[in-house]
Amino acid sequence: MKRLYSATLNSLRGLGYALRYEAAVREEAILLVIGALLGVFIAPSVAWYVAMVGSLLILLAVELLNTAVEKLADYVTLERHVEIRRIKDFGSAAVFCALCLTGLIWLAAIALRYGFL
């Protein structure tokens, strides 16, 4: 039980740091809150709502991982290094993929809800 408590505190502390210091994380957290509220009215079913909000959570998780990789890379060296740049670009590409998935899910839900599909 103590391990679960400690893990929860660590997670909340990390989320707090990210929300305080990282604009991209703040933007995606705001998107999650707005999406959770709007999804109630847009989602064609409960399963769709879970997919819609779940995709926003995945997007936030990928952004947090990308932020962690970037912070670690900056900690290792602040010099311009081609391999570090590639690593950061990989993280950025992962965020882009998560954004595309989120967009597809939301567009499909909207199209289904309003009779376009």
PDB file of N, CA and C in Angstrom:
ATOM      1  N   MET A   1       0.824  -1.189   0.000  1.00  0.00           N
ATOM      2  CA  MET A   1       0.000   0.000   0.000  1.00  0.00           C
ATOM      3  C   MET A   1       0.875   1.262   0.000  1.00  0.00           C
ATOM      4  N   LYS A   2       1.987   1.202   0.745  1.00  0.00           N
ATOM      5  CA  LYS A   2       2.891   2.347   0.798  1.00  0.00           C
ATOM      6  C   LYS A   2       3.489   2.630  -0.575  1.00  0.00           C
ATOM      7  N   ARG A   3       3.823   1.568  -1.323  1.00  0.00           N
ATOM      8  CA  ARG A   3       4.379   1.728  -2.659  1.00  0.00           C
ATOM      9  C   ARG A   3       3.384   2.400  -3.585  1.00  0.00           C
ATOM     10  N   LEU A   4       2.129   2.017  -3.526  1.00  0.00           N
ATOM     11  CA  LEU A   4       1.085   2.626  -4.346  1.00  0.00           C
ATOM     12  C   LEU A   4       0.915   4.104  -3.991  1.00  0.00           C
ATOM     13  N   TYR A   5       0.957   4.405  -2.706  1.00  0.00           N
ATOM     14  CA  TYR A   5       0.847   5.785  -2.243  1.00  0.00           C
ATOM     15  C   TYR A   5       2.021   6.620  -2.763  1.00  0.00           C
ATOM     16  N   SER A   6       3.234   6.082  -2.647  1.00  0.00           N
ATOM     17  CA  SER A   6       4.424   6.791  -3.122  1.00  0.00           C
ATOM     18  C   SER A   6       4.385   6.983  -4.638  1.00  0.00           C
ATOM     19  N   ALA A   7       3.976   5.960  -5.349  1.00  0.00           N
ATOM     20  CA  ALA A   7       3.892   6.055  -6.808  1.00  0.00           C
ATOM     21  C   ALA A   7       2.879   7.116  -7.224  1.00  0.00           C
ATOM     22  N   THR A   8       1.765   7.180  -6.514  1.00  0.00           N
ATOM     23  CA  THR A   8       0.750   8.190  -6.814  1.00  0.00           C
ATOM     24  C   THR A   8       1.288   9.592  -6.559  1.00  0.00           C
ATOM     25  N   LEU A   9       1.983   9.780  -5.438  1.00  0.00           N
ATOM     26  CA  LEU A   9       2.578  11.090  -5.142  1.00  0.00           C
ATOM     27  C   LEU A   9       3.600  11.491  -6.205  1.00  0.00           C
ATOM     28  N   ASN A  10       4.435  10.545  -6.620  1.00  0.00           N
ATOM     29  CA  ASN A  10       5.426  10.832  -7.654  1.00  0.00           C
ATOM     30  C   ASN A  10       4.748  11.243  -8.959  1.00  0.00           C
ATOM     31  N   SER A  11       3.695  10.531  -9.329  1.00  0.00           N
ATOM     32  CA  SER A  11       2.967  10.844 -10.562  1.00  0.00           C
ATOM     33  C   SER A  11       2.332  12.225 -10.498  1.00  0.00           C
ATOM     34  N   LEU A  12       1.705  12.527  -9.377  1.00  0.00           N
ATOM     35  CA  LEU A  12       1.069  13.842  -9.227  1.00  0.00           C
ATOM     36  C   LEU A  12       2.102  14.968  -9.204  1.00  0.00           C
ATOM     37  N   ARG A  13       3.255  14.708  -8.590  1.00  0.00           N
ATOM     38  CA  ARG A  13       4.319  15.711  -8.567  1.00  0.00           C
ATOM     39  C   ARG A  13       4.836  15.962  -9.983  1.00  0.00           C
ATOM     40  N   GLY A  14       5.033  14.902 -10.752  1.00  0.00           N
ATOM     41  CA  GLY A  14       5.484  15.042 -12.132  1.00  0.00           C
ATOM     42  C   GLY A  14       4.471  15.781 -12.984  1.00  0.00           C
ATOM     43  N   LEU A  15       3.206  15.461 -12.807  1.00  0.00           N
ATOM     44  CA  LEU A  15       2.154  16.164 -13.550  1.00  0.00           C
ATOM     45  C   LEU A  15       2.116  17.636 -13.154  1.00  0.00           C
ATOM     46  N   GLY A  16       2.281  17.910 -11.874  1.00  0.00           N
ATOM     47  CA  GLY A  16       2.310  19.296 -11.402  1.00  0.00           C
ATOM     48  C   GLY A  16       3.457  20.081 -12.000  1.00  0.00           C
ATOM     49  N   TYR A  17       4.656  19.493 -12.025  1.00  0.00           N
ATOM     50  CA  TYR A  17       5.809  20.149 -12.642  1.00  0.00           C
ATOM     51  C   TYR A  17       5.524  20.447 -14.111  1.00  0.00           C
ATOM     52  N   ALA A  18       5.022  19.442 -14.799  1.00  0.00           N
ATOM     53  CA  ALA A  18       4.773  19.596 -16.234  1.00  0.00           C
ATOM     54  C   ALA A  18       3.733  20.686 -16.500  1.00  0.00           C
ATOM     55  N   LEU A  19       2.686  20.712 -15.702  1.00  0.00           N
ATOM     56  CA  LEU A  19       1.651  21.734 -15.894  1.00  0.00           C
ATOM     57  C   LEU A  19       2.187  23.131 -15.595  1.00  0.00           C
ATOM     58  N   ARG A  20       3.067  23.231 -14.625  1.00  0.00           N
ATOM     59  CA  ARG A  20       3.632  24.534 -14.253  1.00  0.00           C
ATOM     60  C   ARG A  20       4.639  25.057 -15.267  1.00  0.00           C
ATOM     61  N   TYR A  21       5.467  24.172 -15.812  1.00  0.00           N
ATOM     62  CA  TYR A  21       6.622  24.620 -16.582  1.00  0.00           C
ATOM     63  C   TYR A  21       6.574  24.310 -18.081  1.00  0.00           C
ATOM     64  N   GLU A  22       5.617  23.537 -18.539  1.00  0.00           N
ATOM     65  CA  GLU A  22       5.595  23.124 -19.949  1.00  0.00           C
ATOM     66  C   GLU A  22       4.300  23.558 -20.628  1.00  0.00           C
ATOM     67  N   ALA A  23       4.429  24.497 -21.563  1.00  0.00           N
ATOM     68  CA  ALA A  23       3.257  25.053 -22.250  1.00  0.00           C
ATOM     69  C   ALA A  23       2.483  23.974 -23.021  1.00  0.00           C
ATOM     70  N   ALA A  24       3.186  23.083 -23.699  1.00  0.00           N
ATOM     71  CA  ALA A  24       2.507  22.049 -24.488  1.00  0.00           C
ATOM     72  C   ALA A  24       1.666  21.138 -23.589  1.00  0.00           C
ATOM     73  N   VAL A  25       2.180  20.805 -22.425  1.00  0.00           N
ATOM     74  CA  VAL A  25       1.436  19.960 -21.483  1.00  0.00           C
ATOM     75  C   VAL A  25       0.199  20.713 -20.985  1.00  0.00           C
ATOM     76  N   ARG A  26       0.355  21.992 -20.672  1.00  0.00           N
ATOM     77  CA  ARG A  26      -0.797  22.799 -20.243  1.00  0.00           C
ATOM     78  C   ARG A  26      -1.868  22.841 -21.323  1.00  0.00           C
ATOM     79  N   GLU A  27      -1.454  23.066 -22.560  1.00  0.00           N
ATOM     80  CA  GLU A  27      -2.413  23.128 -23.667  1.00  0.00           C
ATOM     81  C   GLU A  27      -3.171  21.821 -23.821  1.00  0.00           C
ATOM     82  N   GLU A  28      -2.457  20.708 -23.732  1.00  0.00           N
ATOM     83  CA  GLU A  28      -3.111  19.415 -23.904  1.00  0.00           C
ATOM     84  C   GLU A  28      -3.957  19.047 -22.695  1.00  0.00           C
ATOM     85  N   ALA A  29      -3.588  19.501 -21.516  1.00  0.00           N
ATOM     86  CA  ALA A  29      -4.427  19.278 -20.330  1.00  0.00           C
ATOM     87  C   ALA A  29      -5.726  20.072 -20.443  1.00  0.00           C
ATOM     88  N   ILE A  30      -5.632  21.300 -20.940  1.00  0.00           N
ATOM     89  CA  ILE A  30      -6.841  22.108 -21.164  1.00  0.00           C
ATOM     90  C   ILE A  30      -7.719  21.436 -22.208  1.00  0.00           C
ATOM     91  N   LEU A  31      -7.094  20.934 -23.276  1.00  0.00           N
ATOM     92  CA  LEU A  31      -7.829  20.208 -24.309  1.00  0.00           C
ATOM     93  C   LEU A  31      -8.533  18.983 -23.725  1.00  0.00           C
ATOM     94  N   LEU A  32      -7.877  18.297 -22.806  1.00  0.00           N
ATOM     95  CA  LEU A  32      -8.476  17.128 -22.147  1.00  0.00           C
ATOM     96  C   LEU A  32      -9.712  17.530 -21.350  1.00  0.00           C
ATOM     97  N   VAL A  33      -9.624  18.595 -20.584  1.00  0.00           N
ATOM     98  CA  VAL A  33     -10.766  19.045 -19.780  1.00  0.00           C
ATOM     99  C   VAL A  33     -11.927  19.458 -20.682  1.00  0.00           C
ATOM    100  N   ILE A  34     -11.622  20.262 -21.694  1.00  0.00           N
ATOM    101  CA  ILE A  34     -12.670  20.699 -22.629  1.00  0.00           C
ATOM    102  C   ILE A  34     -13.254  19.497 -23.367  1.00  0.00           C
ATOM    103  N   GLY A  35     -12.375  18.592 -23.807  1.00  0.00           N
ATOM    104  CA  GLY A  35     -12.832  17.396 -24.517  1.00  0.00           C
ATOM    105  C   GLY A  35     -13.707  16.498 -23.660  1.00  0.00           C
ATOM    106  N   ALA A  36     -13.365  16.363 -22.386  1.00  0.00           N
ATOM    107  CA  ALA A  36     -14.176  15.527 -21.486  1.00  0.00           C
ATOM    108  C   ALA A  36     -15.574  16.111 -21.339  1.00  0.00           C
ATOM    109  N   LEU A  37     -15.662  17.435 -21.305  1.00  0.00           N
ATOM    110  CA  LEU A  37     -16.973  18.085 -21.195  1.00  0.00           C
ATOM    111  C   LEU A  37     -17.741  18.038 -22.514  1.00  0.00           C
ATOM    112  N   LEU A  38     -17.092  18.418 -23.612  1.00  0.00           N
ATOM    113  CA  LEU A  38     -17.757  18.419 -24.921  1.00  0.00           C
ATOM    114  C   LEU A  38     -18.115  17.008 -25.376  1.00  0.00           C
ATOM    115  N   GLY A  39     -17.276  16.061 -25.028  1.00  0.00           N
ATOM    116  CA  GLY A  39     -17.505  14.686 -25.444  1.00  0.00           C
ATOM    117  C   GLY A  39     -18.842  14.135 -24.986  1.00  0.00           C
ATOM    118  N   VAL A  40     -19.335  14.623 -23.862  1.00  0.00           N
ATOM    119  CA  VAL A  40     -20.646  14.178 -23.358  1.00  0.00           C
ATOM    120  C   VAL A  40     -21.733  14.477 -24.392  1.00  0.00           C
ATOM    121  N   PHE A  41     -21.607  15.594 -25.074  1.00  0.00           N
ATOM    122  CA  PHE A  41     -22.631  16.010 -26.036  1.00  0.00           C
ATOM    123  C   PHE A  41     -22.353  15.488 -27.443  1.00  0.00           C
ATOM    124  N   ILE A  42     -21.105  15.213 -27.750  1.00  0.00           N
ATOM    125  CA  ILE A  42     -20.735  14.817 -29.107  1.00  0.00           C
ATOM    126  C   ILE A  42     -20.728  13.303 -29.284  1.00  0.00           C
ATOM    127  N   ALA A  43     -20.304  12.581 -28.277  1.00  0.00           N
ATOM    128  CA  ALA A  43     -20.101  11.136 -28.410  1.00  0.00           C
ATOM    129  C   ALA A  43     -21.402  10.424 -28.774  1.00  0.00           C
ATOM    130  N   PRO A  44     -21.358   9.575 -29.804  1.00  0.00           N
ATOM    131  CA  PRO A  44     -22.554   8.824 -30.185  1.00  0.00           C
ATOM    132  C   PRO A  44     -22.960   7.759 -29.163  1.00  0.00           C
ATOM    133  N   SER A  45     -22.017   7.319 -28.330  1.00  0.00           N
ATOM    134  CA  SER A  45     -22.302   6.303 -27.318  1.00  0.00           C
ATOM    135  C   SER A  45     -21.254   6.399 -26.206  1.00  0.00           C
ATOM    136  N   VAL A  46     -21.457   5.618 -25.176  1.00  0.00           N
ATOM    137  CA  VAL A  46     -20.494   5.593 -24.074  1.00  0.00           C
ATOM    138  C   VAL A  46     -19.135   5.080 -24.563  1.00  0.00           C
ATOM    139  N   ALA A  47     -19.150   4.071 -25.413  1.00  0.00           N
ATOM    140  CA  ALA A  47     -17.891   3.536 -25.942  1.00  0.00           C
ATOM    141  C   ALA A  47     -17.140   4.604 -26.731  1.00  0.00           C
ATOM    142  N   TRP A  48     -17.851   5.377 -27.516  1.00  0.00           N
ATOM    143  CA  TRP A  48     -17.223   6.467 -28.253  1.00  0.00           C
ATOM    144  C   TRP A  48     -16.667   7.513 -27.292  1.00  0.00           C
ATOM    145  N   TYR A  49     -17.394   7.819 -26.247  1.00  0.00           N
ATOM    146  CA  TYR A  49     -16.912   8.797 -25.265  1.00  0.00           C
ATOM    147  C   TYR A  49     -15.598   8.325 -24.642  1.00  0.00           C
ATOM    148  N   VAL A  50     -15.548   7.060 -24.286  1.00  0.00           N
ATOM    149  CA  VAL A  50     -14.326   6.500 -23.702  1.00  0.00           C
ATOM    150  C   VAL A  50     -13.174   6.593 -24.703  1.00  0.00           C
ATOM    151  N   ALA A  51     -13.440   6.284 -25.970  1.00  0.00           N
ATOM    152  CA  ALA A  51     -12.397   6.378 -26.995  1.00  0.00           C
ATOM    153  C   ALA A  51     -11.937   7.823 -27.192  1.00  0.00           C
ATOM    154  N   MET A  52     -12.883   8.746 -27.187  1.00  0.00           N
ATOM    155  CA  MET A  52     -12.557  10.157 -27.401  1.00  0.00           C
ATOM    156  C   MET A  52     -11.707  10.716 -26.258  1.00  0.00           C
ATOM    157  N   VAL A  53     -12.155  10.493 -25.043  1.00  0.00           N
ATOM    158  CA  VAL A  53     -11.400  10.987 -23.886  1.00  0.00           C
ATOM    159  C   VAL A  53     -10.108  10.184 -23.726  1.00  0.00           C
ATOM    160  N   GLY A  54     -10.170   8.897 -24.005  1.00  0.00           N
ATOM    161  CA  GLY A  54      -8.970   8.059 -23.935  1.00  0.00           C
ATOM    162  C   GLY A  54      -7.892   8.530 -24.897  1.00  0.00           C
ATOM    163  N   SER A  55      -8.299   8.947 -26.090  1.00  0.00           N
ATOM    164  CA  SER A  55      -7.308   9.441 -27.051  1.00  0.00           C
ATOM    165  C   SER A  55      -6.649  10.720 -26.548  1.00  0.00           C
ATOM    166  N   LEU A  56      -7.395  11.549 -25.858  1.00  0.00           N
ATOM    167  CA  LEU A  56      -6.815  12.769 -25.271  1.00  0.00           C
ATOM    168  C   LEU A  56      -5.848  12.428 -24.136  1.00  0.00           C
ATOM    169  N   LEU A  57      -6.178  11.408 -23.355  1.00  0.00           N
ATOM    170  CA  LEU A  57      -5.265  10.958 -22.296  1.00  0.00           C
ATOM    171  C   LEU A  57      -3.979  10.381 -22.890  1.00  0.00           C
ATOM    172  N   ILE A  58      -4.111   9.627 -23.966  1.00  0.00           N
ATOM    173  CA  ILE A  58      -2.930   9.077 -24.633  1.00  0.00           C
ATOM    174  C   ILE A  58      -2.074  10.208 -25.185  1.00  0.00           C
ATOM    175  N   LEU A  59      -2.712  11.209 -25.776  1.00  0.00           N
ATOM    176  CA  LEU A  59      -1.985  12.366 -26.287  1.00  0.00           C
ATOM    177  C   LEU A  59      -1.192  13.046 -25.169  1.00  0.00           C
ATOM    178  N   LEU A  60      -1.831  13.243 -24.029  1.00  0.00           N
ATOM    179  CA  LEU A  60      -1.150  13.860 -22.888  1.00  0.00           C
ATOM    180  C   LEU A  60       0.007  12.988 -22.403  1.00  0.00           C
ATOM    181  N   ALA A  61      -0.204  11.674 -22.366  1.00  0.00           N
ATOM    182  CA  ALA A  61       0.859  10.759 -21.925  1.00  0.00           C
ATOM    183  C   ALA A  61       2.056  10.804 -22.871  1.00  0.00           C
ATOM    184  N   VAL A  62       1.789  10.821 -24.174  1.00  0.00           N
ATOM    185  CA  VAL A  62       2.879  10.881 -25.146  1.00  0.00           C
ATOM    186  C   VAL A  62       3.621  12.209 -25.020  1.00  0.00           C
ATOM    187  N   GLU A  63       2.885  13.292 -24.798  1.00  0.00           N
ATOM    188  CA  GLU A  63       3.518  14.604 -24.606  1.00  0.00           C
ATOM    189  C   GLU A  63       4.399  14.611 -23.364  1.00  0.00           C
ATOM    190  N   LEU A  64       3.943  13.992 -22.290  1.00  0.00           N
ATOM    191  CA  LEU A  64       4.747  13.911 -21.071  1.00  0.00           C
ATOM    192  C   LEU A  64       6.022  13.105 -21.310  1.00  0.00           C
ATOM    193  N   LEU A  65       5.914  11.998 -22.031  1.00  0.00           N
ATOM    194  CA  LEU A  65       7.102  11.207 -22.352  1.00  0.00           C
ATOM    195  C   LEU A  65       8.064  11.995 -23.241  1.00  0.00           C
ATOM    196  N   ASN A  66       7.524  12.704 -24.222  1.00  0.00           N
ATOM    197  CA  ASN A  66       8.357  13.535 -25.081  1.00  0.00           C
ATOM    198  C   ASN A  66       9.077  14.608 -24.268  1.00  0.00           C
ATOM    199  N   THR A  67       8.353  15.226 -23.355  1.00  0.00           N
ATOM    200  CA  THR A  67       8.950  16.243 -22.496  1.00  0.00           C
ATOM    201  C   THR A  67      10.073  15.643 -21.653  1.00  0.00           C
ATOM    202  N   ALA A  68       9.850  14.449 -21.125  1.00  0.00           N
ATOM    203  CA  ALA A  68      10.879  13.787 -20.318  1.00  0.00           C
ATOM    204  C   ALA A  68      12.134  13.512 -21.144  1.00  0.00           C
ATOM    205  N   VAL A  69      11.948  13.037 -22.371  1.00  0.00           N
ATOM    206  CA  VAL A  69      13.091  12.763 -23.246  1.00  0.00           C
ATOM    207  C   VAL A  69      13.842  14.057 -23.549  1.00  0.00           C
ATOM    208  N   GLU A  70      13.109  15.126 -23.852  1.00  0.00           N
ATOM    209  CA  GLU A  70      13.756  16.406 -24.156  1.00  0.00           C
ATOM    210  C   GLU A  70      14.522  16.957 -22.954  1.00  0.00           C
ATOM    211  N   LYS A  71      13.919  16.872 -21.774  1.00  0.00           N
ATOM    212  CA  LYS A  71      14.601  17.352 -20.565  1.00  0.00           C
ATOM    213  C   LYS A  71      15.859  16.536 -20.292  1.00  0.00           C
ATOM    214  N   LEU A  72      15.772  15.230 -20.470  1.00  0.00           N
ATOM    215  CA  LEU A  72      16.936  14.378 -20.266  1.00  0.00           C
ATOM    216  C   LEU A  72      18.030  14.709 -21.279  1.00  0.00           C
ATOM    217  N   ALA A  73      17.651  14.897 -22.524  1.00  0.00           N
ATOM    218  CA  ALA A  73      18.627  15.235 -23.560  1.00  0.00           C
ATOM    219  C   ALA A  73      19.307  16.572 -23.243  1.00  0.00           C
ATOM    220  N   ASP A  74      18.532  17.543 -22.791  1.00  0.00           N
ATOM    221  CA  ASP A  74      19.114  18.839 -22.422  1.00  0.00           C
ATOM    222  C   ASP A  74      20.024  18.722 -21.204  1.00  0.00           C
ATOM    223  N   TYR A  75      19.694  17.797 -20.315  1.00  0.00           N
ATOM    224  CA  TYR A  75      20.533  17.589 -19.133  1.00  0.00           C
ATOM    225  C   TYR A  75      21.876  16.976 -19.526  1.00  0.00           C
ATOM    226  N   VAL A  76      21.835  16.074 -20.490  1.00  0.00           N
ATOM    227  CA  VAL A  76      23.054  15.402 -20.935  1.00  0.00           C
ATOM    228  C   VAL A  76      23.999  16.401 -21.593  1.00  0.00           C
ATOM    229  N   THR A  77      23.464  17.231 -22.483  1.00  0.00           N
ATOM    230  CA  THR A  77      24.287  18.242 -23.138  1.00  0.00           C
ATOM    231  C   THR A  77      23.407  19.349 -23.704  1.00  0.00           C
ATOM    232  N   LEU A  78      23.872  20.568 -23.556  1.00  0.00           N
ATOM    233  CA  LEU A  78      23.182  21.711 -24.151  1.00  0.00           C
ATOM    234  C   LEU A  78      23.773  22.054 -25.519  1.00  0.00           C
ATOM    235  N   GLU A  79      24.853  21.365 -25.887  1.00  0.00           N
ATOM    236  CA  GLU A  79      25.463  21.575 -27.199  1.00  0.00           C
ATOM    237  C   GLU A  79      24.530  21.083 -28.295  1.00  0.00           C
ATOM    238  N   ARG A  80      24.672  21.686 -29.465  1.00  0.00           N
ATOM    239  CA  ARG A  80      23.947  21.186 -30.637  1.00  0.00           C
ATOM    240  C   ARG A  80      24.619  19.882 -31.061  1.00  0.00           C
ATOM    241  N   HIS A  81      23.829  18.836 -31.105  1.00  0.00           N
ATOM    242  CA  HIS A  81      24.353  17.524 -31.453  1.00  0.00           C
ATOM    243  C   HIS A  81      23.331  16.856 -32.360  1.00  0.00           C
ATOM    244  N   VAL A  82      23.795  16.333 -33.498  1.00  0.00           N
ATOM    245  CA  VAL A  82      22.871  15.789 -34.493  1.00  0.00           C
ATOM    246  C   VAL A  82      22.052  14.616 -33.935  1.00  0.00           C
ATOM    247  N   GLU A  83      22.652  13.769 -33.122  1.00  0.00           N
ATOM    248  CA  GLU A  83      21.914  12.621 -32.571  1.00  0.00           C
ATOM    249  C   GLU A  83      20.871  13.063 -31.539  1.00  0.00           C
ATOM    250  N   ILE A  84      21.209  14.042 -30.721  1.00  0.00           N
ATOM    251  CA  ILE A  84      20.249  14.569 -29.752  1.00  0.00           C
ATOM    252  C   ILE A  84      19.060  15.191 -30.497  1.00  0.00           C
ATOM    253  N   ARG A  85      19.368  15.917 -31.573  1.00  0.00           N
ATOM    254  CA  ARG A  85      18.297  16.523 -32.370  1.00  0.00           C
ATOM    255  C   ARG A  85      17.376  15.451 -32.939  1.00  0.00           C
ATOM    256  N   ARG A  86      17.953  14.369 -33.435  1.00  0.00           N
ATOM    257  CA  ARG A  86      17.142  13.269 -33.978  1.00  0.00           C
ATOM    258  C   ARG A  86      16.256  12.656 -32.894  1.00  0.00           C
ATOM    259  N   ILE A  87      16.821  12.460 -31.722  1.00  0.00           N
ATOM    260  CA  ILE A  87      16.058  11.889 -30.612  1.00  0.00           C
ATOM    261  C   ILE A  87      14.872  12.789 -30.270  1.00  0.00           C
ATOM    262  N   LYS A  88      15.120  14.082 -30.211  1.00  0.00           N
ATOM    263  CA  LYS A  88      14.036  15.023 -29.929  1.00  0.00           C
ATOM    264  C   LYS A  88      12.996  15.011 -31.047  1.00  0.00           C
ATOM    265  N   ASP A  89      13.457  14.886 -32.291  1.00  0.00           N
ATOM    266  CA  ASP A  89      12.529  14.820 -33.419  1.00  0.00           C
ATOM    267  C   ASP A  89      11.676  13.547 -33.370  1.00  0.00           C
ATOM    268  N   PHE A  90      12.255  12.445 -32.900  1.00  0.00           N
ATOM    269  CA  PHE A  90      11.477  11.214 -32.742  1.00  0.00           C
ATOM    270  C   PHE A  90      10.337  11.430 -31.744  1.00  0.00           C
ATOM    271  N   GLY A  91      10.658  12.092 -30.646  1.00  0.00           N
ATOM    272  CA  GLY A  91       9.624  12.387 -29.651  1.00  0.00           C
ATOM    273  C   GLY A  91       8.545  13.282 -30.211  1.00  0.00           C
ATOM    274  N   SER A  92       8.957  14.272 -30.971  1.00  0.00           N
ATOM    275  CA  SER A  92       7.995  15.177 -31.601  1.00  0.00           C
ATOM    276  C   SER A  92       7.113  14.420 -32.592  1.00  0.00           C
ATOM    277  N   ALA A  93       7.699  13.503 -33.333  1.00  0.00           N
ATOM    278  CA  ALA A  93       6.934  12.691 -34.279  1.00  0.00           C
ATOM    279  C   ALA A  93       5.913  11.810 -33.548  1.00  0.00           C
ATOM    280  N   ALA A  94       6.287  11.312 -32.387  1.00  0.00           N
ATOM    281  CA  ALA A  94       5.357  10.503 -31.594  1.00  0.00           C
ATOM    282  C   ALA A  94       4.163  11.342 -31.153  1.00  0.00           C
ATOM    283  N   VAL A  95       4.405  12.575 -30.741  1.00  0.00           N
ATOM    284  CA  VAL A  95       3.312  13.480 -30.369  1.00  0.00           C
ATOM    285  C   VAL A  95       2.428  13.745 -31.576  1.00  0.00           C
ATOM    286  N   PHE A  96       3.035  13.953 -32.740  1.00  0.00           N
ATOM    287  CA  PHE A  96       2.270  14.188 -33.965  1.00  0.00           C
ATOM    288  C   PHE A  96       1.368  12.998 -34.277  1.00  0.00           C
ATOM    289  N   CYS A  97       1.886  11.786 -34.132  1.00  0.00           N
ATOM    290  CA  CYS A  97       1.077  10.584 -34.368  1.00  0.00           C
ATOM    291  C   CYS A  97      -0.098  10.512 -33.397  1.00  0.00           C
ATOM    292  N   ALA A  98       0.153  10.832 -32.139  1.00  0.00           N
ATOM    293  CA  ALA A  98      -0.925  10.829 -31.142  1.00  0.00           C
ATOM    294  C   ALA A  98      -1.961  11.899 -31.471  1.00  0.00           C
ATOM    295  N   LEU A  99      -1.518  13.060 -31.946  1.00  0.00           N
ATOM    296  CA  LEU A  99      -2.449  14.110 -32.370  1.00  0.00           C
ATOM    297  C   LEU A  99      -3.311  13.636 -33.540  1.00  0.00           C
ATOM    298  N   CYS A 100      -2.694  12.975 -34.499  1.00  0.00           N
ATOM    299  CA  CYS A 100      -3.442  12.453 -35.651  1.00  0.00           C
ATOM    300  C   CYS A 100      -4.480  11.425 -35.214  1.00  0.00           C
ATOM    301  N   LEU A 101      -4.091  10.518 -34.327  1.00  0.00           N
ATOM    302  CA  LEU A 101      -5.036   9.518 -33.812  1.00  0.00           C
ATOM    303  C   LEU A 101      -6.202  10.196 -33.112  1.00  0.00           C
ATOM    304  N   THR A 102      -5.900  11.167 -32.272  1.00  0.00           N
ATOM    305  CA  THR A 102      -6.949  11.890 -31.552  1.00  0.00           C
ATOM    306  C   THR A 102      -7.885  12.585 -32.531  1.00  0.00           C
ATOM    307  N   GLY A 103      -7.309  13.253 -33.516  1.00  0.00           N
ATOM    308  CA  GLY A 103      -8.128  13.929 -34.523  1.00  0.00           C
ATOM    309  C   GLY A 103      -9.017  12.969 -35.285  1.00  0.00           C
ATOM    310  N   LEU A 104      -8.480  11.822 -35.673  1.00  0.00           N
ATOM    311  CA  LEU A 104      -9.280  10.826 -36.390  1.00  0.00           C
ATOM    312  C   LEU A 104     -10.454  10.322 -35.552  1.00  0.00           C
ATOM    313  N   ILE A 105     -10.183  10.026 -34.309  1.00  0.00           N
ATOM    314  CA  ILE A 105     -11.242   9.528 -33.429  1.00  0.00           C
ATOM    315  C   ILE A 105     -12.327  10.580 -33.252  1.00  0.00           C
ATOM    316  N   TRP A 106     -11.929  11.816 -32.991  1.00  0.00           N
ATOM    317  CA  TRP A 106     -12.913  12.884 -32.785  1.00  0.00           C
ATOM    318  C   TRP A 106     -13.686  13.185 -34.061  1.00  0.00           C
ATOM    319  N   LEU A 107     -13.010  13.214 -35.210  1.00  0.00           N
ATOM    320  CA  LEU A 107     -13.718  13.455 -36.472  1.00  0.00           C
ATOM    321  C   LEU A 107     -14.704  12.339 -36.784  1.00  0.00           C
ATOM    322  N   ALA A 108     -14.310  11.097 -36.545  1.00  0.00           N
ATOM    323  CA  ALA A 108     -15.211   9.972 -36.784  1.00  0.00           C
ATOM    324  C   ALA A 108     -16.424  10.041 -35.857  1.00  0.00           C
ATOM    325  N   ALA A 109     -16.204  10.390 -34.598  1.00  0.00           N
ATOM    326  CA  ALA A 109     -17.319  10.498 -33.654  1.00  0.00           C
ATOM    327  C   ALA A 109     -18.277  11.610 -34.061  1.00  0.00           C
ATOM    328  N   ILE A 110     -17.729  12.749 -34.458  1.00  0.00           N
ATOM    329  CA  ILE A 110     -18.566  13.876 -34.893  1.00  0.00           C
ATOM    330  C   ILE A 110     -19.334  13.497 -36.156  1.00  0.00           C
ATOM    331  N   ALA A 111     -18.659  12.863 -37.099  1.00  0.00           N
ATOM    332  CA  ALA A 111     -19.325  12.464 -38.341  1.00  0.00           C
ATOM    333  C   ALA A 111     -20.443  11.460 -38.071  1.00  0.00           C
ATOM    334  N   LEU A 112     -20.211  10.527 -37.180  1.00  0.00           N
ATOM    335  CA  LEU A 112     -21.237   9.544 -36.839  1.00  0.00           C
ATOM    336  C   LEU A 112     -22.400  10.191 -36.095  1.00  0.00           C
ATOM    337  N   ARG A 113     -22.083  11.053 -35.162  1.00  0.00           N
ATOM    338  CA  ARG A 113     -23.105  11.717 -34.347  1.00  0.00           C
ATOM    339  C   ARG A 113     -24.040  12.585 -35.185  1.00  0.00           C
ATOM    340  N   TYR A 114     -23.469  13.286 -36.159  1.00  0.00           N
ATOM    341  CA  TYR A 114     -24.256  14.241 -36.935  1.00  0.00           C
ATOM    342  C   TYR A 114     -24.635  13.723 -38.319  1.00  0.00           C
ATOM    343  N   GLY A 115     -24.544  12.398 -38.511  1.00  0.00           N
ATOM    344  CA  GLY A 115     -25.085  11.766 -39.690  1.00  0.00           C
ATOM    345  C   GLY A 115     -24.254  11.853 -40.956  1.00  0.00           C
ATOM    346  N   PHE A 116     -22.961  12.126 -40.842  1.00  0.00           N
ATOM    347  CA  PHE A 116     -22.115  12.164 -42.017  1.00  0.00           C
ATOM    348  C   PHE A 116     -21.607  10.777 -42.381  1.00  0.00           C
ATOM    349  N   LEU A 117     -21.717   9.844 -41.459  1.00  0.00           N
ATOM    350  CA  LEU A 117     -21.295   8.446 -41.722  1.00  0.00           C
ATOM    351  C   LEU A 117     -22.473   7.510 -41.594  1.00  0.00           C
TER     352      LEU A 117
END
